[in-house]
C-alpha atoms as a PDB file:
ATOM      1  CA  MET A   1      -5.130  12.390 -12.525  1.00  0.00           C
ATOM      2  CA  ASN A   2      -1.957  11.385 -13.283  1.00  0.00           C
ATOM      3  CA  ILE A   3      -0.504   9.218  -9.899  1.00  0.00           C
ATOM      4  CA  LEU A   4       2.775   8.745  -9.356  1.00  0.00           C
ATOM      5  CA  LEU A   5       3.429   5.773  -7.194  1.00  0.00           C
ATOM      6  CA  SER A   6       6.930   5.204  -4.968  1.00  0.00           C
ATOM      7  CA  GLY A   7       7.445   2.948  -3.112  1.00  0.00           C
ATOM      8  CA  SER A   8       8.880  -0.434  -2.964  1.00  0.00           C
ATOM      9  CA  VAL A   9       9.546  -2.863  -5.585  1.00  0.00           C
ATOM     10  CA  ALA A  10      10.232  -6.802  -4.820  1.00  0.00           C
ATOM     11  CA  PHE A  11      10.271 -10.245  -5.529  1.00  0.00           C
ATOM     12  CA  ASP A  12       7.895 -11.551  -2.686  1.00  0.00           C
ATOM     13  CA  TYR A  13       9.584 -15.141  -1.605  1.00  0.00           C
ATOM     14  CA  LEU A  14       5.903 -16.724  -0.219  1.00  0.00           C
ATOM     15  CA  MET A  15       6.501 -20.079   2.255  1.00  0.00           C
ATOM     16  CA  THR A  16       3.693 -21.304   4.111  1.00  0.00           C
ATOM     17  CA  PHE A  17       4.099 -23.786   7.535  1.00  0.00           C
ATOM     18  CA  PRO A  18       1.720 -25.879   8.152  1.00  0.00           C
ATOM     19  CA  GLY A  19       1.674 -25.021  11.841  1.00  0.00           C
ATOM     20  CA  TYR A  20       0.872 -22.373  13.896  1.00  0.00           C
ATOM     21  CA  PHE A  21       3.994 -20.015  15.160  1.00  0.00           C
ATOM     22  CA  LYS A  22       2.276 -19.171  18.635  1.00  0.00           C
ATOM     23  CA  ASP A  23       3.090 -23.113  19.451  1.00  0.00           C
ATOM     24  CA  HIS A  24       6.594 -22.213  19.052  1.00  0.00           C
ATOM     25  CA  ILE A  25       7.266 -18.916  20.313  1.00  0.00           C
ATOM     26  CA  LEU A  26       7.981 -19.194  24.448  1.00  0.00           C
ATOM     27  CA  SER A  27       7.576 -15.989  26.169  1.00  0.00           C
ATOM     28  CA  GLU A  28      10.099 -17.084  28.952  1.00  0.00           C
ATOM     29  CA  HIS A  29      13.030 -17.521  26.237  1.00  0.00           C
ATOM     30  CA  LEU A  30      12.764 -14.498  23.797  1.00  0.00           C
ATOM     31  CA  GLU A  31      15.536 -13.089  25.238  1.00  0.00           C
ATOM     32  CA  SER A  32      17.352 -16.442  23.461  1.00  0.00           C
ATOM     33  CA  ILE A  33      14.248 -16.873  20.952  1.00  0.00           C
ATOM     34  CA  SER A  34      16.515 -19.644  17.809  1.00  0.00           C
ATOM     35  CA  LEU A  35      13.515 -21.055  15.143  1.00  0.00           C
ATOM     36  CA  SER A  36      13.800 -22.679  12.076  1.00  0.00           C
ATOM     37  CA  PHE A  37      10.407 -23.219   9.927  1.00  0.00           C
ATOM     38  CA  LEU A  38      10.349 -26.062   7.561  1.00  0.00           C
ATOM     39  CA  VAL A  39       7.831 -25.376   4.956  1.00  0.00           C
ATOM     40  CA  ASP A  40       5.797 -27.267   3.090  1.00  0.00           C
ATOM     41  CA  SER A  41       5.691 -24.902  -0.595  1.00  0.00           C
ATOM     42  CA  MET A  42       7.853 -21.763  -1.657  1.00  0.00           C
ATOM     43  CA  VAL A  43       6.756 -19.754  -5.070  1.00  0.00           C
ATOM     44  CA  ARG A  44       8.070 -16.360  -6.223  1.00  0.00           C
ATOM     45  CA  HIS A  45       5.842 -13.826  -7.045  1.00  0.00           C
ATOM     46  CA  ARG A  46       6.588 -10.193  -8.368  1.00  0.00           C
ATOM     47  CA  GLY A  47       5.171  -7.730  -4.965  1.00  0.00           C
ATOM     48  CA  GLY A  48       6.579  -4.161  -4.180  1.00  0.00           C
ATOM     49  CA  ILE A  49       4.008  -2.030  -2.379  1.00  0.00           C
ATOM     50  CA  ALA A  50       3.964   0.314  -5.473  1.00  0.00           C
ATOM     51  CA  PRO A  51       3.313  -1.617  -8.159  1.00  0.00           C
ATOM     52  CA  ASN A  52       1.107  -3.711  -5.778  1.00  0.00           C
ATOM     53  CA  ILE A  53      -0.714  -0.526  -5.982  1.00  0.00           C
ATOM     54  CA  ALA A  54      -0.327   0.224  -9.222  1.00  0.00           C
ATOM     55  CA  TYR A  55      -2.013  -3.156 -10.710  1.00  0.00           C
ATOM     56  CA  THR A  56      -5.582  -2.765  -9.166  1.00  0.00           C
ATOM     57  CA  MET A  57      -5.496   0.580  -9.898  1.00  0.00           C
ATOM     58  CA  ALA A  58      -4.673  -0.792 -13.794  1.00  0.00           C
ATOM     59  CA  LEU A  59      -7.548  -3.404 -13.669  1.00  0.00           C
ATOM     60  CA  LEU A  60      -9.721  -0.766 -12.955  1.00  0.00           C
ATOM     61  CA  GLY A  61      -9.229   0.979 -15.966  1.00  0.00           C
ATOM     62  CA  GLN A  62      -6.020   3.650 -14.198  1.00  0.00           C
ATOM     63  CA  GLN A  63      -2.520   4.526 -16.020  1.00  0.00           C
ATOM     64  CA  PRO A  64      -0.301   4.907 -12.198  1.00  0.00           C
ATOM     65  CA  GLN A  65       2.757   5.829 -12.873  1.00  0.00           C
ATOM     66  CA  LEU A  66       5.644   4.147 -10.715  1.00  0.00           C
ATOM     67  CA  TRP A  67       8.331   6.210  -9.109  1.00  0.00           C
ATOM     68  CA  ALA A  68      11.124   3.816  -7.676  1.00  0.00           C
ATOM     69  CA  THR A  69      14.631   1.812  -8.268  1.00  0.00           C
ATOM     70  CA  VAL A  70      14.781  -1.631  -9.293  1.00  0.00           C
ATOM     71  CA  GLY A  71      17.795  -3.908 -10.246  1.00  0.00           C
ATOM     72  CA  GLU A  72      18.430  -5.571 -13.292  1.00  0.00           C
ATOM     73  CA  ASP A  73      16.156  -8.577 -12.739  1.00  0.00           C
ATOM     74  CA  PHE A  74      13.821  -6.400 -13.068  1.00  0.00           C
ATOM     75  CA  GLU A  75      12.697  -6.306 -17.339  1.00  0.00           C
ATOM     76  CA  GLU A  76      10.476  -9.459 -17.689  1.00  0.00           C
ATOM     77  CA  TYR A  77       8.591  -7.511 -14.212  1.00  0.00           C
ATOM     78  CA  ARG A  78       9.284  -4.348 -16.612  1.00  0.00           C
ATOM     79  CA  GLN A  79       7.144  -6.148 -19.792  1.00  0.00           C
ATOM     80  CA  TRP A  80       4.557  -7.386 -17.155  1.00  0.00           C
ATOM     81  CA  LEU A  81       3.137  -3.763 -15.984  1.00  0.00           C
ATOM     82  CA  GLU A  82       3.382  -2.260 -19.133  1.00  0.00           C
ATOM     83  CA  ALA A  83       1.518  -4.744 -20.514  1.00  0.00           C
ATOM     84  CA  LYS A  84      -1.522  -4.097 -17.093  1.00  0.00           C
ATOM     85  CA  GLY A  85      -1.613  -0.490 -17.837  1.00  0.00           C
ATOM     86  CA  VAL A  86       1.269   0.659 -15.442  1.00  0.00           C
ATOM     87  CA  GLY A  87       3.330   3.269 -16.678  1.00  0.00           C
ATOM     88  CA  THR A  88       7.279   2.610 -15.482  1.00  0.00           C
ATOM     89  CA  SER A  89       9.860   4.883 -17.366  1.00  0.00           C
ATOM     90  CA  GLY A  90       9.857   5.811 -13.885  1.00  0.00           C
ATOM     91  CA  ALA A  91      11.730   2.441 -12.548  1.00  0.00           C
ATOM     92  CA  ARG A  92      15.142   3.355 -12.397  1.00  0.00           C
ATOM     93  CA  VAL A  93      17.661   0.294 -12.712  1.00  0.00           C
ATOM     94  CA  ILE A  94      20.389   0.270 -11.129  1.00  0.00           C
ATOM     95  CA  PRO A  95      23.844  -1.145 -12.260  1.00  0.00           C
ATOM     96  CA  ASP A  96      25.090  -4.701 -10.576  1.00  0.00           C
ATOM     97  CA  GLU A  97      22.284  -5.018  -8.143  1.00  0.00           C
ATOM     98  CA  PHE A  98      18.588  -6.978  -7.287  1.00  0.00           C
ATOM     99  CA  THR A  99      15.490  -5.760  -7.203  1.00  0.00           C
ATOM    100  CA  ALA A 100      14.299  -5.586  -3.651  1.00  0.00           C
ATOM    101  CA  SER A 101      12.849  -9.483  -1.720  1.00  0.00           C
ATOM    102  CA  PHE A 102      10.495  -9.912   0.148  1.00  0.00           C
ATOM    103  CA  PHE A 103      10.679 -12.889   2.309  1.00  0.00           C
ATOM    104  CA  VAL A 104       7.673 -13.914   4.344  1.00  0.00           C
ATOM    105  CA  ASN A 105       6.286 -17.464   6.045  1.00  0.00           C
ATOM    106  CA  THR A 106       2.507 -17.834   5.968  1.00  0.00           C
ATOM    107  CA  ASP A 107       1.372 -20.202   9.017  1.00  0.00           C
ATOM    108  CA  LEU A 108      -2.542 -22.006   9.488  1.00  0.00           C
ATOM    109  CA  SER A 109      -3.637 -19.046  10.838  1.00  0.00           C
ATOM    110  CA  ASN A 110      -2.511 -16.168   8.866  1.00  0.00           C
ATOM    111  CA  ALA A 111       0.251 -15.322  11.003  1.00  0.00           C
ATOM    112  CA  GLN A 112       3.075 -14.053   8.793  1.00  0.00           C
ATOM    113  CA  ILE A 113       6.830 -13.882   9.728  1.00  0.00           C
ATOM    114  CA  ALA A 114       8.601 -11.802   7.279  1.00  0.00           C
ATOM    115  CA  SER A 115      12.254 -10.361   6.247  1.00  0.00           C
ATOM    116  CA  PHE A 116      12.757  -7.811   3.434  1.00  0.00           C
ATOM    117  CA  TYR A 117      16.413  -7.217   1.502  1.00  0.00           C
ATOM    118  CA  PRO A 118      16.469  -3.937   0.379  1.00  0.00           C
ATOM    119  CA  GLY A 119      18.615  -4.471  -2.833  1.00  0.00           C
ATOM    120  CA  ALA A 120      18.639  -1.351  -5.207  1.00  0.00           C
ATOM    121  CA  MET A 121      15.129   0.198  -3.079  1.00  0.00           C
ATOM    122  CA  ALA A 122      18.577   1.015  -0.858  1.00  0.00           C
ATOM    123  CA  TYR A 123      19.288   3.506  -3.421  1.00  0.00           C
ATOM    124  CA  ALA A 124      15.643   5.451  -4.154  1.00  0.00           C
ATOM    125  CA  ALA A 125      16.895   8.889  -2.167  1.00  0.00           C
ATOM    126  CA  GLN A 126      18.956   9.617  -5.224  1.00  0.00           C
ATOM    127  CA  MET A 127      16.046  10.074  -7.173  1.00  0.00           C
ATOM    128  CA  SER A 128      14.225  13.134  -6.880  1.00  0.00           C
ATOM    129  CA  LEU A 129      10.367  14.587  -7.805  1.00  0.00           C
ATOM    130  CA  ARG A 130      12.067  17.896  -9.102  1.00  0.00           C
ATOM    131  CA  GLU A 131      13.407  15.593 -12.486  1.00  0.00           C
ATOM    132  CA  LEU A 132       9.483  16.140 -13.023  1.00  0.00           C
ATOM    133  CA  VAL A 133       9.138  20.142 -12.539  1.00  0.00           C
ATOM    134  CA  ASP A 134       7.729  20.482 -16.031  1.00  0.00           C
ATOM    135  CA  GLU A 135       5.036  17.457 -15.648  1.00  0.00           C
ATOM    136  CA  ALA A 136       4.559  17.470 -12.148  1.00  0.00           C
ATOM    137  CA  PRO A 137       1.905  14.807 -10.846  1.00  0.00           C
ATOM    138  CA  ASP A 138      -1.696  15.747  -9.647  1.00  0.00           C
ATOM    139  CA  LEU A 139      -1.077  12.971  -6.390  1.00  0.00           C
ATOM    140  CA  VAL A 140       1.892  11.764  -5.138  1.00  0.00           C
ATOM    141  CA  VAL A 141       2.196   8.059  -2.701  1.00  0.00           C
ATOM    142  CA  ILE A 142       3.914   8.021  -0.645  1.00  0.00           C
ATOM    143  CA  SER A 143       4.522   4.634   0.672  1.00  0.00           C
ATOM    144  CA  PRO A 144       7.320   2.119   2.094  1.00  0.00           C
ATOM    145  CA  ASN A 145      10.670   2.704   0.614  1.00  0.00           C
ATOM    146  CA  ASP A 146      14.454   3.565   1.881  1.00  0.00           C
ATOM    147  CA  PRO A 147      13.972   5.846   4.885  1.00  0.00           C
ATOM    148  CA  ASP A 148      15.966   8.006   3.744  1.00  0.00           C
ATOM    149  CA  ALA A 149      13.729   8.908   0.167  1.00  0.00           C
ATOM    150  CA  MET A 150      10.724   8.838   1.457  1.00  0.00           C
ATOM    151  CA  LEU A 151      11.616  11.406   4.209  1.00  0.00           C
ATOM    152  CA  ARG A 152      13.425  13.583   0.541  1.00  0.00           C
ATOM    153  CA  PHE A 153       9.924  12.621  -0.573  1.00  0.00           C
ATOM    154  CA  VAL A 154       8.068  14.472   1.623  1.00  0.00           C
ATOM    155  CA  ASP A 155      10.291  17.477   1.746  1.00  0.00           C
ATOM    156  CA  GLU A 156      10.200  17.754  -2.077  1.00  0.00           C
ATOM    157  CA  CYS A 157       6.488  17.120  -2.039  1.00  0.00           C
ATOM    158  CA  GLN A 158       6.036  19.903   0.328  1.00  0.00           C
ATOM    159  CA  GLU A 159       8.444  22.482  -1.266  1.00  0.00           C
ATOM    160  CA  LEU A 160       6.758  21.960  -4.892  1.00  0.00           C
ATOM    161  CA  GLU A 161       2.951  21.848  -3.333  1.00  0.00           C
ATOM    162  CA  ILE A 162       2.266  18.584  -5.023  1.00  0.00           C
ATOM    163  CA  PRO A 163      -0.216  16.870  -2.757  1.00  0.00           C
ATOM    164  CA  TYR A 164       0.553  13.912  -1.987  1.00  0.00           C
ATOM    165  CA  PHE A 165      -0.590  10.431   0.260  1.00  0.00           C
ATOM    166  CA  TYR A 166       1.606   9.142   3.372  1.00  0.00           C
ATOM    167  CA  ASP A 167       1.207   5.688   3.745  1.00  0.00           C
ATOM    168  CA  PRO A 168       5.012   4.889   6.085  1.00  0.00           C
ATOM    169  CA  SER A 169       3.505   1.401   7.370  1.00  0.00           C
ATOM    170  CA  GLN A 170       6.273  -0.732   7.752  1.00  0.00           C
ATOM    171  CA  GLN A 171       9.130   2.317   7.578  1.00  0.00           C
ATOM    172  CA  ILE A 172       7.347   3.390  11.285  1.00  0.00           C
ATOM    173  CA  VAL A 173      10.018   2.059  13.632  1.00  0.00           C
ATOM    174  CA  ARG A 174      12.524   3.706  11.427  1.00  0.00           C
ATOM    175  CA  LEU A 175      11.181   7.119  11.113  1.00  0.00           C
ATOM    176  CA  THR A 176      11.598   9.820  14.269  1.00  0.00           C
ATOM    177  CA  GLY A 177       8.363  11.016  16.075  1.00  0.00           C
ATOM    178  CA  GLU A 178       9.093  14.009  14.453  1.00  0.00           C
ATOM    179  CA  ASP A 179       9.619  12.892  10.649  1.00  0.00           C
ATOM    180  CA  LEU A 180       6.111  11.136  11.504  1.00  0.00           C
ATOM    181  CA  ARG A 181       5.001  14.833  12.432  1.00  0.00           C
ATOM    182  CA  LYS A 182       5.999  16.153   9.551  1.00  0.00           C
ATOM    183  CA  GLY A 183       4.913  13.931   6.888  1.00  0.00           C
ATOM    184  CA  ILE A 184       1.394  13.362   7.828  1.00  0.00           C
ATOM    185  CA  MET A 185       0.888  17.290   8.724  1.00  0.00           C
ATOM    186  CA  GLY A 186       1.348  17.833   5.068  1.00  0.00           C
ATOM    187  CA  ALA A 187      -0.425  14.767   3.777  1.00  0.00           C
ATOM    188  CA  ARG A 188      -3.484  15.275   1.881  1.00  0.00           C
ATOM    189  CA  ALA A 189      -4.404  11.840   3.650  1.00  0.00           C
ATOM    190  CA  LEU A 190      -2.562   9.494   5.862  1.00  0.00           C
ATOM    191  CA  PHE A 191      -2.847   5.126   5.604  1.00  0.00           C
ATOM    192  CA  VAL A 192      -2.461   3.174   8.133  1.00  0.00           C
ATOM    193  CA  ASN A 193      -3.291  -0.217   9.835  1.00  0.00           C
ATOM    194  CA  GLU A 194      -4.530   0.091  13.225  1.00  0.00           C
ATOM    195  CA  TYR A 195      -1.748  -1.160  14.716  1.00  0.00           C
ATOM    196  CA  GLU A 196       0.473   0.649  12.507  1.00  0.00           C
ATOM    197  CA  SER A 197      -2.257   3.964  14.614  1.00  0.00           C
ATOM    198  CA  ALA A 198      -1.080   3.289  17.829  1.00  0.00           C
ATOM    199  CA  LEU A 199       2.171   2.980  17.277  1.00  0.00           C
ATOM    200  CA  ILE A 200       1.964   6.942  15.223  1.00  0.00           C
ATOM    201  CA  LYS A 201      -0.032   7.803  18.398  1.00  0.00           C
ATOM    202  CA  ASN A 202       3.062   6.739  20.729  1.00  0.00           C
ATOM    203  CA  MET A 203       5.733   8.223  18.558  1.00  0.00           C
ATOM    204  CA  THR A 204       3.760  11.233  17.941  1.00  0.00           C
ATOM    205  CA  GLY A 205       1.149  11.649  20.733  1.00  0.00           C
ATOM    206  CA  MET A 206      -1.590  12.255  17.868  1.00  0.00           C
ATOM    207  CA  ASP A 207      -4.714   9.938  17.153  1.00  0.00           C
ATOM    208  CA  ALA A 208      -6.730  10.410  13.816  1.00  0.00           C
ATOM    209  CA  HIS A 209      -9.124  13.092  15.401  1.00  0.00           C
ATOM    210  CA  ALA A 210      -5.981  14.514  16.869  1.00  0.00           C
ATOM    211  CA  ILE A 211      -3.956  14.550  13.423  1.00  0.00           C
ATOM    212  CA  LEU A 212      -7.486  16.646  12.124  1.00  0.00           C
ATOM    213  CA  ASN A 213      -7.872  18.978  14.647  1.00  0.00           C
ATOM    214  CA  ALA A 214      -4.159  20.112  14.318  1.00  0.00           C
ATOM    215  CA  ASP A 215      -4.379  20.696  10.216  1.00  0.00           C
ATOM    216  CA  VAL A 216      -5.744  23.697   9.990  1.00  0.00           C
ATOM    217  CA  ILE A 217      -4.721  24.019   6.206  1.00  0.00           C
ATOM    218  CA  ASP A 218      -6.516  21.322   4.645  1.00  0.00           C
ATOM    219  CA  GLU A 219      -9.994  20.925   6.073  1.00  0.00           C
ATOM    220  CA  ASN A 220     -10.954  17.820   3.462  1.00  0.00           C
ATOM    221  CA  LYS A 221      -7.707  16.056   4.842  1.00  0.00           C
ATOM    222  CA  LEU A 222      -8.456  12.274   5.744  1.00  0.00           C
ATOM    223  CA  VAL A 223      -7.165   9.593   8.297  1.00  0.00           C
ATOM    224  CA  VAL A 224      -7.496   5.710   7.150  1.00  0.00           C
ATOM    225  CA  ILE A 225      -6.834   3.226   9.246  1.00  0.00           C
ATOM    226  CA  THR A 226      -7.543  -0.496   8.348  1.00  0.00           C
ATOM    227  CA  ARG A 227      -8.518  -2.897  10.874  1.00  0.00           C
ATOM    228  CA  GLY A 228      -8.721  -6.684   8.926  1.00  0.00           C
ATOM    229  CA  GLU A 229     -11.658  -8.362   9.478  1.00  0.00           C
ATOM    230  CA  GLY A 230     -12.977  -5.179  11.870  1.00  0.00           C
ATOM    231  CA  GLY A 231     -13.355  -3.329   8.414  1.00  0.00           C
ATOM    232  CA  THR A 232     -12.128   0.210   7.948  1.00  0.00           C
ATOM    233  CA  THR A 233     -12.167   3.448   9.437  1.00  0.00           C
ATOM    234  CA  ILE A 234     -12.295   6.849   7.504  1.00  0.00           C
ATOM    235  CA  TYR A 235     -11.801  10.315   9.450  1.00  0.00           C
ATOM    236  CA  THR A 236     -12.495  12.980   8.466  1.00  0.00           C
ATOM    237  CA  ARG A 237     -13.007  16.594   9.883  1.00  0.00           C
ATOM    238  CA  THR A 238     -16.590  16.709   9.675  1.00  0.00           C
ATOM    239  CA  GLY A 239     -16.992  12.840  10.604  1.00  0.00           C
ATOM    240  CA  ALA A 240     -16.224   9.238  10.635  1.00  0.00           C
ATOM    241  CA  TYR A 241     -17.192   6.084   7.149  1.00  0.00           C
ATOM    242  CA  ASP A 242     -17.169   2.945   8.942  1.00  0.00           C
ATOM    243  CA  ILE A 243     -16.245   0.731   6.082  1.00  0.00           C
ATOM    244  CA  PRO A 244     -17.606  -3.162   6.425  1.00  0.00           C
ATOM    245  CA  VAL A 245     -15.255  -6.375   4.678  1.00  0.00           C
ATOM    246  CA  VAL A 246     -16.551  -7.339   2.065  1.00  0.00           C
ATOM    247  CA  ARG A 247     -16.819 -11.229   2.728  1.00  0.00           C
ATOM    248  CA  PRO A 248     -13.983 -13.521   0.648  1.00  0.00           C
ATOM    249  CA  GLU A 249     -15.646 -16.544  -0.832  1.00  0.00           C
ATOM    250  CA  GLU A 250     -12.368 -18.164   0.444  1.00  0.00           C
ATOM    251  CA  ILE A 251      -8.900 -16.999   2.215  1.00  0.00           C
ATOM    252  CA  VAL A 252      -6.545 -18.231  -0.058  1.00  0.00           C
ATOM    253  CA  ASP A 253      -3.440 -15.140   0.758  1.00  0.00           C
ATOM    254  CA  PRO A 254      -3.023 -11.819   2.940  1.00  0.00           C
ATOM    255  CA  THR A 255      -0.182 -10.891   1.293  1.00  0.00           C
ATOM    256  CA  GLY A 256      -0.765  -7.515  -0.640  1.00  0.00           C
ATOM    257  CA  VAL A 257      -4.353  -7.202   0.724  1.00  0.00           C
ATOM    258  CA  GLY A 258      -3.761  -3.704   1.835  1.00  0.00           C
ATOM    259  CA  ASP A 259      -1.821  -2.544  -1.005  1.00  0.00           C
ATOM    260  CA  ALA A 260      -5.017  -3.804  -3.094  1.00  0.00           C
ATOM    261  CA  PHE A 261      -7.386  -1.716  -0.629  1.00  0.00           C
ATOM    262  CA  ARG A 262      -5.049   1.850  -1.731  1.00  0.00           C
ATOM    263  CA  GLY A 263      -5.791   0.846  -4.955  1.00  0.00           C
ATOM    264  CA  GLY A 264      -8.946   0.796  -5.117  1.00  0.00           C
ATOM    265  CA  PHE A 265      -9.399   3.506  -3.160  1.00  0.00           C
ATOM    266  CA  LEU A 266      -6.923   5.640  -5.299  1.00  0.00           C
ATOM    267  CA  THR A 267      -9.112   5.064  -7.846  1.00  0.00           C
ATOM    268  CA  GLY A 268     -12.457   6.041  -6.726  1.00  0.00           C
ATOM    269  CA  TYR A 269     -10.565   9.169  -5.320  1.00  0.00           C
ATOM    270  CA  SER A 270      -8.430  10.014  -8.953  1.00  0.00           C
ATOM    271  CA  HIS A 271     -12.709   9.880  -9.724  1.00  0.00           C
ATOM    272  CA  HIS A 272     -13.686  12.098  -7.404  1.00  0.00           C
ATOM    273  CA  LEU A 273     -16.613   9.694  -5.837  1.00  0.00           C
ATOM    274  CA  GLU A 274     -17.343  10.052  -2.824  1.00  0.00           C
ATOM    275  CA  ILE A 275     -15.014   9.323   0.134  1.00  0.00           C
ATOM    276  CA  GLU A 276     -17.511   6.554   1.086  1.00  0.00           C
ATOM    277  CA  VAL A 277     -17.739   4.726  -1.844  1.00  0.00           C
ATOM    278  CA  CYS A 278     -13.488   5.310  -2.657  1.00  0.00           C
ATOM    279  CA  GLY A 279     -13.202   3.001   0.457  1.00  0.00           C
ATOM    280  CA  LYS A 280     -15.893   0.713  -0.111  1.00  0.00           C
ATOM    281  CA  MET A 281     -14.215   0.185  -3.232  1.00  0.00           C
ATOM    282  CA  GLY A 282     -10.928  -0.725  -1.420  1.00  0.00           C
ATOM    283  CA  ALA A 283     -12.777  -3.222   1.199  1.00  0.00           C
ATOM    284  CA  LEU A 284     -13.840  -4.748  -2.462  1.00  0.00           C
ATOM    285  CA  ALA A 285     -10.483  -5.247  -4.089  1.00  0.00           C
ATOM    286  CA  ALA A 286      -8.775  -6.181  -1.038  1.00  0.00           C
ATOM    287  CA  THR A 287     -11.313  -9.018  -0.547  1.00  0.00           C
ATOM    288  CA  TYR A 288     -10.054  -9.560  -4.781  1.00  0.00           C
ATOM    289  CA  CYS A 289      -6.436  -9.822  -3.743  1.00  0.00           C
ATOM    290  CA  LEU A 290      -7.390 -11.896  -0.274  1.00  0.00           C
ATOM    291  CA  GLU A 291      -8.790 -14.687  -2.526  1.00  0.00           C
ATOM    292  CA  GLN A 292      -5.791 -15.387  -4.817  1.00  0.00           C
ATOM    293  CA  ARG A 293      -2.241 -15.981  -4.257  1.00  0.00           C
ATOM    294  CA  ALA A 294       0.023 -12.660  -4.441  1.00  0.00           C
ATOM    295  CA  PRO A 295      -0.725  -9.624  -4.121  1.00  0.00           C
ATOM    296  CA  GLN A 296      -0.720  -9.256  -8.195  1.00  0.00           C
ATOM    297  CA  GLY A 297      -2.632 -12.847  -8.451  1.00  0.00           C
ATOM    298  CA  HIS A 298      -6.072 -11.574  -8.579  1.00  0.00           C
ATOM    299  CA  SER A 299      -7.884 -10.360 -12.118  1.00  0.00           C
ATOM    300  CA  TYR A 300     -10.943  -8.931 -13.477  1.00  0.00           C
ATOM    301  CA  THR A 301     -12.550  -6.719 -15.365  1.00  0.00           C
ATOM    302  CA  PRO A 302     -13.983  -3.173 -14.575  1.00  0.00           C
ATOM    303  CA  GLU A 303     -17.524  -4.383 -15.495  1.00  0.00           C
ATOM    304  CA  GLU A 304     -17.248  -7.631 -12.703  1.00  0.00           C
ATOM    305  CA  PHE A 305     -15.754  -4.878 -10.467  1.00  0.00           C
ATOM    306  CA  VAL A 306     -18.685  -2.725 -10.601  1.00  0.00           C
ATOM    307  CA  THR A 307     -20.888  -6.231 -10.324  1.00  0.00           C
ATOM    308  CA  ARG A 308     -19.758  -6.964  -7.727  1.00  0.00           C
ATOM    309  CA  TYR A 309     -20.045  -3.996  -5.958  1.00  0.00           C
ATOM    310  CA  ARG A 310     -23.357  -3.829  -6.050  1.00  0.00           C
ATOM    311  CA  GLU A 311     -23.931  -7.016  -4.412  1.00  0.00           C
ATOM    312  CA  HIS A 312     -22.827  -5.274  -1.158  1.00  0.00           C
ATOM    313  CA  PHE A 313     -23.149  -1.818  -1.702  1.00  0.00           C
ATOM    314  CA  ASP A 314     -25.535   1.095  -3.588  1.00  0.00           C
ATOM    315  CA  ASP A 315     -23.457   3.862  -5.646  1.00  0.00           C
ATOM    316  CA  GLN A 316     -26.043   5.741  -6.271  1.00  0.00           C
ATOM    317  CA  GLY A 317     -24.693   5.579  -9.875  1.00  0.00           C
ATOM    318  CA  GLN A 318     -20.909   6.721  -9.252  1.00  0.00           C
ATOM    319  CA  LEU A 319     -19.436   3.748 -10.786  1.00  0.00           C
ATOM    320  CA  GLU A 320     -20.746   4.142 -13.901  1.00  0.00           C
ATOM    321  CA  ILE A 321     -17.576   5.993 -14.720  1.00  0.00           C
ATOM    322  CA  LEU A 322     -15.577   2.685 -14.434  1.00  0.00           C
ATOM    323  CA  VAL A 323     -17.419   1.031 -16.597  1.00  0.00           C
ATOM    324  CA  PRO A 324     -16.533   1.937 -20.359  1.00  0.00           C
END
């Protein structure tokens, strides 16, 4: 399956705070909050939602394609991704701009405070899926990006009849209820976490069941809600699947865990595996990410992935397709 991944491409600046943010946030003074945290460490890693998803897919033998705008500082990142098997011909360099940057501070409880500088991502709406009319992808993933680009890609997928997964997550607050409803209703699947699901319900009046029941065209539509340590629920028209987490050997860094889940799920989906198996692939891929630092710090072969999967779940032989 030819999967095109749109979304942010960024460098992640990861910092660690040797305390708890909650101890320094005074609820009675939120209107005048002024905080500065002295951190113990900082490292720069490759990140961004689209390449994070692509990286996990590539580990599992897939060849996803990026569709994003990047800065003049992207060349080393491009070489890294291509060496892993990710297609980067759709990564467009914007002159005189930096690649987007994500700054995140993590405390001892794994709570995070983050900021995001868009850089070249602000030009993503200049790209058009119509450029691919002669080689249309089988599936587009519309993940957090410049809001105008997300709106454009939704419109173009619907007009060109290209199936897409919709993952608005961090950009929900930048979209209107009408924007969200349009993106959700035309999507083959919606991916959000539990809090984002509540935001969508508040903005559109639709929960998972309402979304599924309102879409009378696509009876195979999915709503995937990740719940952190509580696992994941995948809603379908015929029922729901509760996917447990795979307990990590140790928790090192939560950054990019949701992206890894999507990469694992998409790999199973691209092979037309059962939805429950896809969800469990996502759960294991997320755990691999959680056990290492940075969203692209984990590594494994398809054989190692299958072996570990079978320590926790029964795939009934479906994962043989991953092994050369």
